[in-house]
Amino acid sequence: MAAGIRTRHGRSCRSRDGGRCNCTPSYEAWVYSKRDDKKIRKTFKTLAEAKAWRTDAGSAVRQRVLRAPSKVTLAEAASEWLERAQAGRIRSRSGARYKPGTLRRYEQVLRLHVLDGIGAHRLADISHFDLRELRDRLQGDDLDARTIHVIFAAIGVIYGRAIEMGQVAVNPVSSVTLPRPDGRRTRIAPPEEATRLLAALPEEDRPIWAMAMYAGLRRGELRALRWEDVDLGANRIRVERGWDDVEGDQGTKSGRARIVPIFAKLRPYLEAQRIRTPDPDGLVFGRGSVPFAVHRIRARALAAWEAAKLEPLTLHDARHTAASVMIASGVNVKAISEYMGHSSISITVDVYGHLMPGWEDEAADLVNAYLARVEGGG
């Protein structure tokens, strides 16, 4: 038998008494991890598989990309991850700190739906089969698809950290197919409808919705916006903070500030709001340092739109409406990505690509015209 591999016979196999094997044996291969001072073992159905794994595993150990399985449990890893993320020592892939609301949500779903079931299991022992069973159980409990996505996102970042620390080799979340959210599709109001929606609102609420519809600020960014961030003379808004109900002021979702132009359609609403809230150090939409209450703004808007027999939309829908207006106006995707505060252009394309038809034809026309011009001049 090859070094580092042993044959494992069944309990009733005659070979155990010195006779001829009459079972279907398996093969256990192992390699030694010096930095862990442990053997890493794995069992295979065939000798060829065992030999191949041992060769690959030996190379992986030497390259320090494979370690002996960690005894850390999912619950322990989750607690450490949350503590480090809250302290800013673990950050998102963009390098930004995790938002307090995101961390609270992760802690909540892990506590309610995961840790009581598999929290005591070692990270290295949890497989994609276990997570598929978790997914099936959550669906069987009629849990909302969006919540299931949050649950697996929380588990995924924990495993991502464990891989970086060499505690596990693979992230079992990556091979689990999740249900598609069945919620309402994003609603985008065409320009003429946006005008009607704004006109139907109470006068004091129109600037908030106009800022969402024509500047694309997120709800938290609207709540945290201060007059010092608004330059009516230069027609620019500096977006550098959001608002969390527990933490208060915080950074933007992307972790960086951005400049958004004040379009002509938005300007009258801001000028009216400037008269309504004159404190130069105060919030644009609030009273002094107290931001507006989202549920009250929403309730008044729903009542106004119902009375006017208009289809309602949310502040998030209004943000998407702003993006659609810029796309329809021909603003380039890089500028749209900056104005919307996306961390990368790929996010902008993923979210709004369906609103950009004909880009292929436009690109072809531009390239064809350029080449014809260059070649003709040559």
Protein backbone atom coordinates (compact mmCIF):
# COMPACT_ATOMS: atom_id res chain seq x y z
CA MET A 1 0.00 0.00 0.00
CA ALA A 2 1.23 3.52 -0.84
CA ALA A 3 2.66 5.61 2.02
CA GLY A 4 0.08 7.77 3.74
CA ILE A 5 -2.83 5.58 2.63
CA ARG A 6 -4.49 2.70 4.45
CA THR A 7 -7.21 0.30 3.42
CA ARG A 8 -10.35 0.30 5.54
CA HIS A 9 -12.22 -3.01 5.52
CA GLY A 10 -15.77 -3.66 6.66
CA ARG A 11 -16.36 -5.01 10.16
CA SER A 12 -17.36 -8.45 8.88
CA CYS A 13 -14.57 -8.70 6.30
CA ARG A 14 -12.58 -11.97 6.47
CA SER A 15 -9.33 -10.05 6.10
CA ARG A 16 -9.64 -9.05 9.75
CA ASP A 17 -9.01 -12.71 10.64
CA GLY A 18 -6.21 -13.16 8.15
CA GLY A 19 -8.47 -14.37 5.36
CA ARG A 20 -9.12 -13.04 1.89
CA CYS A 21 -11.03 -9.75 1.64
CA ASN A 22 -14.71 -10.25 0.88
CA CYS A 23 -15.89 -6.64 1.32
CA THR A 24 -15.73 -3.46 -0.70
CA PRO A 25 -12.97 -1.54 1.10
CA SER A 26 -12.46 2.19 1.24
CA TYR A 27 -9.14 4.03 1.35
CA GLU A 28 -8.09 6.60 3.92
CA ALA A 29 -5.39 9.03 2.83
CA TRP A 30 -3.60 11.50 5.06
CA VAL A 31 -1.03 14.28 4.93
CA TYR A 32 0.76 15.94 7.84
CA SER A 33 0.33 19.67 8.50
CA LYS A 34 3.42 20.83 10.37
CA ARG A 35 2.01 24.22 11.36
CA ASP A 36 -1.06 22.52 12.88
CA ASP A 37 0.92 19.50 14.15
CA LYS A 38 -1.96 17.34 12.91
CA LYS A 39 -2.81 14.88 10.20
CA ILE A 40 -5.42 15.84 7.64
CA ARG A 41 -7.41 12.75 6.67
CA LYS A 42 -9.95 11.92 4.00
CA THR A 43 -11.61 8.68 2.89
CA PHE A 44 -12.21 7.62 -0.73
CA LYS A 45 -13.93 4.79 -2.55
CA THR A 46 -10.96 4.00 -4.77
CA LEU A 47 -7.21 3.83 -4.30
CA ALA A 48 -6.67 6.07 -7.33
CA GLU A 49 -8.80 8.85 -5.78
CA ALA A 50 -6.91 8.54 -2.51
CA LYS A 51 -3.52 8.82 -4.25
CA ALA A 52 -4.63 11.83 -6.31
CA TRP A 53 -5.98 13.63 -3.25
CA ARG A 54 -2.82 12.95 -1.25
CA THR A 55 -0.67 14.45 -3.99
CA ASP A 56 -2.83 17.58 -4.23
CA ALA A 57 -3.23 17.91 -0.45
CA GLY A 58 0.50 17.59 0.14
CA SER A 59 1.12 20.42 -2.32
CA ALA A 60 -1.62 22.55 -0.74
CA VAL A 61 -0.13 22.08 2.75
CA ARG A 62 3.32 23.12 1.51
CA GLN A 63 1.79 26.21 -0.13
CA ARG A 64 -0.01 26.97 3.15
CA VAL A 65 -3.46 26.96 1.56
CA LEU A 66 -4.67 23.82 3.37
CA ARG A 67 -4.81 23.33 7.11
CA ALA A 68 -6.11 20.71 9.50
CA PRO A 69 -9.84 21.17 10.23
CA SER A 70 -10.51 23.77 12.90
CA LYS A 71 -12.50 22.94 16.03
CA VAL A 72 -14.16 26.36 15.92
CA THR A 73 -17.95 26.11 15.86
CA LEU A 74 -20.30 28.19 13.74
CA ALA A 75 -21.60 29.94 16.86
CA GLU A 76 -18.08 30.83 17.99
CA ALA A 77 -17.10 32.05 14.53
CA ALA A 78 -20.30 34.11 14.27
CA SER A 79 -19.70 35.78 17.63
CA GLU A 80 -16.10 36.64 16.72
CA TRP A 81 -17.08 37.90 13.26
CA LEU A 82 -19.81 40.18 14.62
CA GLU A 83 -17.54 41.58 17.32
CA ARG A 84 -14.75 42.34 14.84
CA ALA A 85 -17.14 43.78 12.25
CA GLN A 86 -18.73 46.08 14.84
CA ALA A 87 -15.25 47.31 15.76
CA GLY A 88 -14.43 47.93 12.08
CA ARG A 89 -11.69 45.28 12.03
CA ILE A 90 -13.60 43.25 9.45
CA ARG A 91 -14.90 45.19 6.49
CA SER A 92 -16.90 44.58 3.32
CA ARG A 93 -15.22 43.72 0.04
CA SER A 94 -15.28 47.41 -0.90
CA GLY A 95 -13.27 48.24 2.24
CA ALA A 96 -16.18 50.05 3.91
CA ARG A 97 -17.35 49.35 7.44
CA TYR A 98 -20.49 47.28 7.70
CA LYS A 99 -23.55 49.39 8.46
CA PRO A 100 -24.91 49.03 12.01
CA GLY A 101 -28.29 48.05 10.57
CA THR A 102 -26.70 45.28 8.52
CA LEU A 103 -24.85 43.90 11.54
CA ARG A 104 -28.00 43.99 13.67
CA ARG A 105 -29.87 42.15 10.94
CA TYR A 106 -27.14 39.51 10.63
CA GLU A 107 -27.08 38.98 14.39
CA GLN A 108 -30.86 38.68 14.48
CA VAL A 109 -31.27 36.12 11.69
CA LEU A 110 -28.38 34.01 12.94
CA ARG A 111 -29.83 33.95 16.45
CA LEU A 112 -33.40 33.24 15.36
CA HIS A 113 -32.88 30.82 12.49
CA VAL A 114 -29.41 29.27 12.49
CA LEU A 115 -27.44 28.97 15.71
CA ASP A 116 -29.96 26.90 17.67
CA GLY A 117 -29.83 24.27 14.94
CA ILE A 118 -26.24 24.07 13.67
CA GLY A 119 -24.45 26.63 15.80
CA ALA A 120 -22.71 23.94 17.87
CA HIS A 121 -21.35 22.21 14.74
CA ARG A 122 -17.75 22.79 13.78
CA LEU A 123 -17.29 25.00 10.74
CA ALA A 124 -15.30 22.28 9.02
CA ASP A 125 -18.09 19.73 9.58
CA ILE A 126 -20.91 21.76 8.02
CA SER A 127 -21.38 20.80 4.38
CA HIS A 128 -23.46 22.19 1.54
CA PHE A 129 -25.88 19.34 2.24
CA ASP A 130 -26.43 20.68 5.76
CA LEU A 131 -27.06 24.16 4.39
CA ARG A 132 -29.45 22.84 1.78
CA GLU A 133 -31.39 21.17 4.58
CA LEU A 134 -31.40 24.50 6.42
CA ARG A 135 -32.73 26.23 3.30
CA ASP A 136 -35.47 23.61 2.91
CA ARG A 137 -36.46 23.97 6.56
CA LEU A 138 -36.66 27.74 6.29
CA GLN A 139 -38.80 27.46 3.17
CA GLY A 140 -40.98 24.91 4.93
CA ASP A 141 -41.53 27.46 7.68
CA ASP A 142 -42.76 29.87 4.96
CA LEU A 143 -39.93 32.29 5.69
CA ASP A 144 -39.74 35.18 3.24
CA ALA A 145 -37.22 34.63 0.44
CA ARG A 146 -35.50 37.92 1.19
CA THR A 147 -34.91 36.86 4.78
CA ILE A 148 -33.45 33.56 3.57
CA HIS A 149 -31.04 35.53 1.39
CA VAL A 150 -29.97 37.60 4.43
CA ILE A 151 -29.44 34.42 6.47
CA PHE A 152 -27.17 32.88 3.86
CA ALA A 153 -25.35 36.16 3.34
CA ALA A 154 -24.55 36.17 7.07
CA ILE A 155 -23.32 32.58 6.97
CA GLY A 156 -21.37 33.33 3.81
CA VAL A 157 -19.34 36.20 5.27
CA ILE A 158 -18.51 34.09 8.32
CA TYR A 159 -17.14 31.34 6.08
CA GLY A 160 -15.34 33.92 3.94
CA ARG A 161 -13.47 35.05 7.05
CA ALA A 162 -12.80 31.44 8.08
CA ILE A 163 -11.24 30.72 4.69
CA GLU A 164 -8.97 33.77 5.04
CA MET A 165 -7.89 32.51 8.47
CA GLY A 166 -7.23 29.01 7.12
CA GLN A 167 -9.89 27.44 9.33
CA VAL A 168 -11.76 25.86 6.41
CA ALA A 169 -10.96 25.23 2.76
CA VAL A 170 -14.32 25.91 1.08
CA ASN A 171 -17.42 28.02 1.59
CA PRO A 172 -20.42 25.63 1.57
CA VAL A 173 -22.81 28.53 0.95
CA SER A 174 -21.50 28.96 -2.60
CA SER A 175 -23.16 25.77 -3.84
CA VAL A 176 -26.60 26.39 -2.29
CA THR A 177 -29.31 27.65 -4.64
CA LEU A 178 -31.58 30.14 -2.91
CA PRO A 179 -35.22 30.92 -3.69
CA ARG A 180 -35.97 33.99 -5.75
CA PRO A 181 -37.68 36.80 -3.87
CA ASP A 182 -41.31 36.96 -4.93
CA GLY A 183 -41.88 40.52 -3.75
CA ARG A 184 -43.15 43.46 -5.72
CA ARG A 185 -41.01 44.54 -8.63
CA THR A 186 -39.27 47.90 -8.45
CA ARG A 187 -41.61 50.59 -9.68
CA ILE A 188 -40.27 53.41 -11.86
CA ALA A 189 -42.43 56.47 -12.50
CA PRO A 190 -42.10 58.09 -15.95
CA PRO A 191 -41.33 61.85 -15.82
CA GLU A 192 -44.90 63.00 -16.42
CA GLU A 193 -46.21 60.64 -13.73
CA ALA A 194 -43.49 61.75 -11.29
CA THR A 195 -44.72 65.33 -11.75
CA ARG A 196 -48.29 64.29 -10.92
CA LEU A 197 -47.18 62.28 -7.89
CA LEU A 198 -45.28 65.26 -6.49
CA ALA A 199 -48.14 67.68 -7.13
CA ALA A 200 -50.56 65.45 -5.19
CA LEU A 201 -48.40 65.44 -2.04
CA PRO A 202 -48.72 67.84 0.91
CA GLU A 203 -46.55 70.85 0.07
CA GLU A 204 -44.15 70.31 2.96
CA ASP A 205 -43.41 66.73 1.84
CA ARG A 206 -42.73 67.44 -1.83
CA PRO A 207 -39.02 68.39 -1.42
CA ILE A 208 -38.17 65.02 0.18
CA TRP A 209 -39.75 63.04 -2.62
CA ALA A 210 -38.35 65.39 -5.26
CA MET A 211 -34.85 64.87 -3.87
CA ALA A 212 -35.32 61.11 -4.15
CA MET A 213 -36.83 61.32 -7.66
CA TYR A 214 -34.32 63.75 -9.18
CA ALA A 215 -31.14 63.24 -7.13
CA GLY A 216 -31.44 59.54 -6.27
CA LEU A 217 -30.48 59.81 -2.60
CA ARG A 218 -31.13 56.80 -0.40
CA ARG A 219 -33.59 57.06 2.48
CA GLY A 220 -30.83 57.25 5.12
CA GLU A 221 -28.98 59.85 3.05
CA LEU A 222 -32.11 61.99 2.83
CA ARG A 223 -32.51 61.82 6.60
CA ALA A 224 -28.89 62.78 7.29
CA LEU A 225 -28.56 65.55 4.68
CA ARG A 226 -27.58 68.93 6.14
CA TRP A 227 -27.73 72.38 4.56
CA GLU A 228 -23.96 72.60 4.73
CA ASP A 229 -23.98 69.74 2.18
CA VAL A 230 -26.16 71.68 -0.29
CA ASP A 231 -24.60 74.35 -2.51
CA LEU A 232 -27.44 76.03 -4.37
CA GLY A 233 -25.03 78.49 -5.94
CA ALA A 234 -22.94 75.77 -7.57
CA ASN A 235 -25.94 73.47 -8.10
CA ARG A 236 -24.29 70.62 -6.21
CA ILE A 237 -25.11 68.33 -3.31
CA ARG A 238 -22.38 66.58 -1.34
CA VAL A 239 -23.59 63.22 -0.04
CA GLU A 240 -21.25 61.98 2.66
CA ARG A 241 -23.41 60.47 5.37
CA GLY A 242 -26.45 58.32 6.04
CA TRP A 243 -28.68 57.87 9.08
CA ASP A 244 -29.19 54.82 11.27
CA ASP A 245 -32.04 54.76 13.79
CA VAL A 246 -29.72 53.45 16.53
CA GLU A 247 -26.30 54.85 15.64
CA GLY A 248 -27.37 58.18 14.14
CA ASP A 249 -24.97 59.72 11.62
CA GLN A 250 -22.85 57.21 9.70
CA GLY A 251 -21.00 56.96 6.42
CA THR A 252 -22.67 56.29 3.07
CA LYS A 253 -23.38 52.74 1.95
CA SER A 254 -20.39 52.73 -0.41
CA GLY A 255 -18.16 54.17 2.31
CA ARG A 256 -17.25 57.29 0.34
CA ALA A 257 -18.69 60.74 -0.34
CA ARG A 258 -20.08 61.76 -3.73
CA ILE A 259 -21.26 64.88 -5.54
CA VAL A 260 -24.74 64.94 -7.09
CA PRO A 261 -25.89 67.76 -9.42
CA ILE A 262 -29.01 69.77 -8.65
CA PHE A 263 -31.10 69.48 -11.79
CA ALA A 264 -33.42 72.36 -12.76
CA LYS A 265 -36.48 70.27 -11.92
CA LEU A 266 -35.27 69.80 -8.35
CA ARG A 267 -34.06 73.32 -7.61
CA PRO A 268 -37.46 74.99 -6.86
CA TYR A 269 -38.25 72.32 -4.29
CA LEU A 270 -34.93 72.89 -2.51
CA GLU A 271 -35.37 76.67 -2.57
CA ALA A 272 -38.79 76.28 -0.96
CA GLN A 273 -37.35 73.92 1.64
CA ARG A 274 -34.56 76.39 2.41
CA ILE A 275 -37.19 78.94 3.42
CA ARG A 276 -39.06 76.33 5.44
CA THR A 277 -35.96 75.15 7.40
CA PRO A 278 -33.59 78.14 7.56
CA ASP A 279 -31.09 76.79 10.14
CA PRO A 280 -27.78 76.67 8.19
CA ASP A 281 -26.44 74.00 10.53
CA GLY A 282 -29.62 71.94 10.61
CA LEU A 283 -30.98 69.07 8.60
CA VAL A 284 -32.51 69.75 5.21
CA PHE A 285 -35.44 67.44 5.94
CA GLY A 286 -36.12 67.47 9.66
CA ARG A 287 -36.38 69.68 12.69
CA GLY A 288 -33.00 70.91 13.88
CA SER A 289 -30.98 67.74 14.38
CA VAL A 290 -33.97 65.37 14.35
CA PRO A 291 -34.53 63.67 10.97
CA PHE A 292 -37.97 63.18 9.47
CA ALA A 293 -39.96 60.08 10.46
CA VAL A 294 -40.14 57.76 7.47
CA HIS A 295 -43.43 56.12 8.45
CA ARG A 296 -45.17 59.49 8.72
CA ILE A 297 -43.90 60.67 5.35
CA ARG A 298 -45.00 57.37 3.84
CA ALA A 299 -48.46 57.48 5.46
CA ARG A 300 -49.16 61.02 4.23
CA ALA A 301 -48.01 60.15 0.72
CA LEU A 302 -50.19 57.04 0.53
CA ALA A 303 -53.24 59.00 1.65
CA ALA A 304 -52.56 61.77 -0.88
CA TRP A 305 -52.00 59.40 -3.78
CA GLU A 306 -55.06 57.34 -2.93
CA ALA A 307 -57.16 60.50 -2.94
CA ALA A 308 -55.69 61.49 -6.31
CA LYS A 309 -56.13 57.92 -7.63
CA LEU A 310 -52.42 57.59 -8.37
CA GLU A 311 -50.33 54.43 -8.01
CA PRO A 312 -48.03 54.83 -5.00
CA LEU A 313 -44.28 54.27 -4.87
CA THR A 314 -41.66 54.06 -2.13
CA LEU A 315 -38.65 56.28 -1.50
CA HIS A 316 -36.53 53.46 -2.89
CA ASP A 317 -38.71 53.38 -6.02
CA ALA A 318 -38.18 57.13 -6.29
CA ARG A 319 -34.42 56.58 -6.23
CA HIS A 320 -34.75 54.12 -9.12
CA THR A 321 -36.89 56.69 -10.90
CA ALA A 322 -33.97 59.16 -10.69
CA ALA A 323 -31.64 56.60 -12.28
CA SER A 324 -34.12 55.90 -15.07
CA VAL A 325 -34.38 59.63 -15.88
CA MET A 326 -30.60 59.94 -16.13
CA ILE A 327 -30.39 56.83 -18.34
CA ALA A 328 -33.14 58.08 -20.64
CA SER A 329 -31.37 61.46 -20.82
CA GLY A 330 -28.20 59.82 -22.11
CA VAL A 331 -26.01 60.33 -19.03
CA ASN A 332 -23.09 57.90 -19.29
CA VAL A 333 -23.03 54.88 -17.01
CA LYS A 334 -19.89 55.97 -15.14
CA ALA A 335 -21.55 59.26 -14.12
CA ILE A 336 -24.77 57.46 -13.16
CA SER A 337 -22.75 55.05 -11.00
CA GLU A 338 -21.12 58.01 -9.23
CA TYR A 339 -24.37 59.92 -8.72
CA MET A 340 -26.18 56.85 -7.37
CA GLY A 341 -23.35 56.06 -4.96
CA HIS A 342 -22.65 52.57 -6.26
CA SER A 343 -19.32 51.03 -5.27
CA SER A 344 -18.69 49.92 -8.87
CA ILE A 345 -20.07 50.34 -12.39
CA SER A 346 -20.92 46.63 -12.47
CA ILE A 347 -23.58 47.21 -9.80
CA THR A 348 -25.11 49.99 -11.88
CA VAL A 349 -25.24 47.75 -14.95
CA ASP A 350 -26.64 44.82 -12.94
CA VAL A 351 -29.42 46.96 -11.46
CA TYR A 352 -30.27 49.17 -14.46
CA GLY A 353 -28.95 47.28 -17.47
CA HIS A 354 -32.49 46.40 -18.55
CA LEU A 355 -33.17 50.15 -18.91
CA MET A 356 -30.30 50.57 -21.37
CA PRO A 357 -31.55 48.94 -24.59
CA GLY A 358 -29.77 49.65 -27.84
CA TRP A 359 -26.34 50.19 -26.31
CA GLU A 360 -24.91 47.49 -28.59
CA ASP A 361 -26.20 49.27 -31.71
CA GLU A 362 -24.98 52.63 -30.43
CA ALA A 363 -21.52 51.21 -29.69
CA ALA A 364 -21.36 49.57 -33.12
CA ASP A 365 -22.32 52.84 -34.86
CA LEU A 366 -19.71 54.82 -32.93
CA VAL A 367 -16.91 52.32 -33.61
CA ASN A 368 -17.88 51.96 -37.28
CA ALA A 369 -17.92 55.73 -37.74
CA TYR A 370 -14.55 56.12 -36.00
CA LEU A 371 -12.82 53.43 -38.05
CA ALA A 372 -14.27 54.76 -41.28
CA ARG A 373 -13.05 58.24 -40.38
CA VAL A 374 -9.56 57.08 -39.43
CA GLU A 375 -9.12 54.70 -42.34
CA GLY A 376 -10.53 57.25 -44.76
CA GLY A 377 -8.06 59.84 -43.53
CA GLY A 378 -5.16 57.37 -43.77
